């Protein structure tokens, strides 16, 4: 009998991103991040308040993951929740991160108590979720992500997967709108754990 499968995003769901990224921008580049809207591109600014050119953002993000990934800490409750789920479930971390960072992220998550397989992805997540379902053939599956478009992609490719919208970082909770294609929105791991366990028993 196959086990259930949990497919989770990483930044903003398992690991804090905003505070470490702000610290990196300041210490390494003398830049700031203004969270006026949920968009990183356009909200990174020079000391005088002018926005950084959009083409500069990808190198900044790559630099963060290259030099400061080890400053990211787990969001509250994530380690315990995944350890609890891992007793009975397979867990895969599906994260939109460059391929050359995926191996380091695997090691970082393991160091922090989350020793799970990491898959680097680019763009919508529906197709890689479908590939994971084909691989694992799970009895049930749950997908967790903070960005609404990924829930839309998942619904289009694998509509039977339970889609949990989670914005674990407080700084973003009022900025990220509800995901219309998610099945539920829960922003903290203790409540999410109970919800997932209920779904898996259903």
Protein backbone atom coordinates (compact mmCIF):
# COMPACT_ATOMS: atom_id res chain seq x y z
CA UNK A 1 0.00 0.00 0.00
CA UNK A 2 1.40 3.39 -0.98
CA UNK A 3 1.88 6.22 1.49
CA UNK A 4 0.41 9.72 1.30
CA UNK A 5 2.60 12.38 -0.31
CA UNK A 6 3.20 15.90 1.00
CA UNK A 7 4.60 18.36 -1.56
CA UNK A 8 5.67 21.63 0.06
CA UNK A 9 7.14 24.89 -1.08
CA UNK A 10 10.13 26.16 0.92
CA UNK A 11 10.62 29.94 1.13
CA UNK A 12 7.85 31.49 3.17
CA UNK A 13 6.39 28.08 4.01
CA UNK A 14 9.21 26.10 5.62
CA UNK A 15 11.94 28.74 5.88
CA UNK A 16 11.77 32.43 6.66
CA UNK A 17 12.77 34.50 3.65
CA UNK A 18 11.84 38.15 4.06
CA UNK A 19 13.89 39.08 7.15
CA UNK A 20 17.06 37.29 5.98
CA UNK A 21 16.69 38.78 2.50
CA UNK A 22 16.32 42.29 3.93
CA UNK A 23 19.43 41.76 6.08
CA UNK A 24 21.35 40.54 3.02
CA UNK A 25 20.28 43.50 0.87
CA UNK A 26 21.40 45.92 3.56
CA UNK A 27 24.69 44.28 4.52
CA UNK A 28 25.87 43.24 1.06
CA UNK A 29 24.44 45.98 -1.17
CA UNK A 30 23.19 48.89 0.94
CA UNK A 31 19.67 48.32 -0.38
CA UNK A 32 16.28 48.09 1.30
CA UNK A 33 13.05 46.18 0.66
CA UNK A 34 9.74 48.02 0.96
CA UNK A 35 6.77 45.74 1.32
CA UNK A 36 4.17 48.06 -0.15
CA UNK A 37 2.86 45.20 -2.27
CA UNK A 38 3.62 41.54 -2.76
CA UNK A 39 6.30 41.90 -5.38
CA UNK A 40 10.00 41.68 -4.78
CA UNK A 41 10.93 43.11 -8.17
CA UNK A 42 10.24 46.84 -7.93
CA UNK A 43 10.24 46.93 -4.12
CA UNK A 44 14.01 46.62 -3.72
CA UNK A 45 15.24 50.20 -3.38
CA UNK A 46 18.36 52.29 -3.11
CA UNK A 47 19.01 54.33 0.04
CA UNK A 48 17.36 57.36 -1.59
CA UNK A 49 14.16 55.39 -2.16
CA UNK A 50 14.47 54.90 -5.91
CA UNK A 51 13.71 51.36 -7.10
CA UNK A 52 16.46 49.06 -8.30
CA UNK A 53 16.20 48.31 -12.01
CA UNK A 54 14.23 45.08 -12.62
CA UNK A 55 17.12 43.44 -14.44
CA UNK A 56 19.24 43.73 -11.28
CA UNK A 57 16.84 41.65 -9.21
CA UNK A 58 17.70 38.12 -10.47
CA UNK A 59 21.42 38.56 -9.65
CA UNK A 60 20.50 39.91 -6.20
CA UNK A 61 18.30 36.90 -5.50
CA UNK A 62 20.95 34.52 -6.79
CA UNK A 63 23.51 36.23 -4.58
CA UNK A 64 21.29 35.77 -1.55
CA UNK A 65 20.97 32.05 -2.12
CA UNK A 66 24.69 31.75 -2.88
CA UNK A 67 25.99 33.53 0.22
CA UNK A 68 23.14 33.85 2.74
CA UNK A 69 20.98 30.73 2.45
CA UNK A 70 22.39 29.57 5.77
CA UNK A 71 20.83 32.59 7.48
CA UNK A 72 17.32 31.29 6.79
CA UNK A 73 15.62 29.70 9.79
CA UNK A 74 12.53 27.47 9.92
CA UNK A 75 9.16 29.15 10.36
CA UNK A 76 7.58 28.29 13.73
CA UNK A 77 6.18 24.78 13.88
CA UNK A 78 7.46 23.62 10.48
CA UNK A 79 10.09 21.17 11.74
CA UNK A 80 7.73 19.50 14.19
CA UNK A 81 4.86 19.31 11.70
CA UNK A 82 6.95 17.72 8.96
CA UNK A 83 8.59 15.30 11.37
CA UNK A 84 5.13 14.24 12.52
CA UNK A 85 3.86 13.83 8.96
CA UNK A 86 6.99 11.96 7.88
CA UNK A 87 6.07 9.06 10.16
CA UNK A 88 3.36 8.08 7.71
CA UNK A 89 3.99 10.19 4.59
CA UNK A 90 6.57 10.79 1.93
CA UNK A 91 7.64 14.44 1.82
CA UNK A 92 9.15 16.35 -1.11
CA UNK A 93 10.13 20.02 -1.13
CA UNK A 94 9.29 21.64 -4.49
CA UNK A 95 10.88 25.06 -4.63
CA UNK A 96 11.43 27.61 -7.39
CA UNK A 97 15.16 27.86 -6.94
CA UNK A 98 17.99 27.62 -9.46
CA UNK A 99 19.22 24.09 -10.03
CA UNK A 100 22.70 24.85 -8.72
CA UNK A 101 21.19 25.88 -5.36
CA UNK A 102 19.04 22.78 -4.87
CA UNK A 103 21.85 20.63 -3.46
CA UNK A 104 22.83 23.28 -0.91
CA UNK A 105 19.19 23.75 0.04
CA UNK A 106 18.88 20.00 0.61
CA UNK A 107 21.82 20.14 3.02
CA UNK A 108 20.50 23.27 4.75
CA UNK A 109 17.06 21.79 5.31
CA UNK A 110 18.61 18.60 6.68
CA UNK A 111 20.79 20.65 9.03
CA UNK A 112 17.67 22.37 10.33
CA UNK A 113 15.83 19.10 10.96
CA UNK A 114 14.02 18.68 7.64
CA UNK A 115 15.95 15.93 5.79
CA UNK A 116 13.74 15.72 2.72
CA UNK A 117 14.22 15.51 -1.01
CA UNK A 118 14.40 18.90 -2.71
CA UNK A 119 13.40 19.54 -6.33
CA UNK A 120 14.40 22.83 -7.94
CA UNK A 121 11.74 24.19 -10.28
CA UNK A 122 11.22 27.04 -12.70
CA UNK A 123 7.77 28.50 -13.31
CA UNK A 124 4.37 26.89 -12.60
CA UNK A 125 4.33 23.84 -10.37
CA UNK A 126 1.46 21.80 -11.80
CA UNK A 127 3.64 19.71 -14.14
CA UNK A 128 6.27 18.76 -11.54
CA UNK A 129 3.52 17.88 -9.08
CA UNK A 130 2.00 15.57 -11.69
CA UNK A 131 5.43 13.99 -12.26
CA UNK A 132 5.77 13.34 -8.54
CA UNK A 133 2.34 11.72 -8.42
CA UNK A 134 3.32 9.48 -11.32
CA UNK A 135 6.49 8.54 -9.45
CA UNK A 136 5.07 7.94 -5.98
CA UNK A 137 1.53 6.82 -6.83
CA UNK A 138 0.43 8.07 -3.39
CA UNK A 139 -2.79 7.10 -1.65
CA UNK A 140 -3.47 10.83 -1.11
CA UNK A 141 -1.51 14.00 -1.82
CA UNK A 142 -1.34 17.48 -0.32
CA UNK A 143 0.34 20.48 -1.98
CA UNK A 144 1.39 23.47 0.18
CA UNK A 145 2.47 26.83 -1.27
CA UNK A 146 2.23 30.54 -0.50
CA UNK A 147 1.67 31.82 -4.05
CA UNK A 148 -1.83 31.68 -5.58
CA UNK A 149 -0.66 31.03 -9.18
CA UNK A 150 0.90 27.73 -8.14
CA UNK A 151 -2.44 26.56 -6.76
CA UNK A 152 -4.06 27.47 -10.06
CA UNK A 153 -1.40 25.49 -11.91
CA UNK A 154 -1.86 22.52 -9.59
CA UNK A 155 -5.62 22.59 -10.00
CA UNK A 156 -5.24 22.55 -13.76
CA UNK A 157 -2.85 19.61 -13.83
CA UNK A 158 -3.83 17.50 -10.80
CA UNK A 159 -7.23 18.69 -9.54
CA UNK A 160 -7.58 15.79 -7.08
CA UNK A 161 -4.58 16.96 -5.02
CA UNK A 162 -5.57 18.86 -1.87
CA UNK A 163 -4.19 22.39 -2.17
CA UNK A 164 -3.30 24.22 1.04
CA UNK A 165 -2.49 27.92 0.76
CA UNK A 166 -0.05 28.87 3.53
CA UNK A 167 1.60 32.27 4.06
CA UNK A 168 3.77 31.47 7.05
CA UNK A 169 5.59 34.81 7.18
CA UNK A 170 3.64 37.47 9.08
CA UNK A 171 5.07 40.28 6.96
CA UNK A 172 3.34 38.89 3.87
CA UNK A 173 -0.02 37.71 5.21
CA UNK A 174 -1.88 40.91 4.42
CA UNK A 175 -0.13 41.33 1.07
CA UNK A 176 -0.79 37.94 -0.52
CA UNK A 177 -4.44 37.61 -1.57
CA UNK A 178 -6.52 34.49 -1.13
CA UNK A 179 -5.78 31.76 -3.64
CA UNK A 180 -9.09 31.09 -5.42
CA UNK A 181 -7.92 27.65 -6.56
CA UNK A 182 -6.71 26.47 -3.15
CA UNK A 183 -8.90 24.22 -1.02
CA UNK A 184 -7.99 25.96 2.24
CA UNK A 185 -5.88 28.80 3.63
CA UNK A 186 -4.04 28.20 6.91
CA UNK A 187 -1.04 30.34 7.77
CA UNK A 188 0.49 28.57 10.78
CA UNK A 189 1.88 25.07 11.05
CA UNK A 190 0.16 23.80 14.20
CA UNK A 191 -3.27 24.36 12.65
CA UNK A 192 -2.06 23.17 9.25
CA UNK A 193 -0.81 19.92 10.76
CA UNK A 194 -4.23 19.16 12.20
CA UNK A 195 -5.88 20.04 8.89
CA UNK A 196 -3.52 17.85 6.86
CA UNK A 197 -3.93 14.92 9.21
CA UNK A 198 -7.70 15.26 8.87
CA UNK A 199 -7.48 15.34 5.07
CA UNK A 200 -5.26 12.27 5.00
CA UNK A 201 -7.68 10.31 7.18
CA UNK A 202 -10.70 11.33 5.10
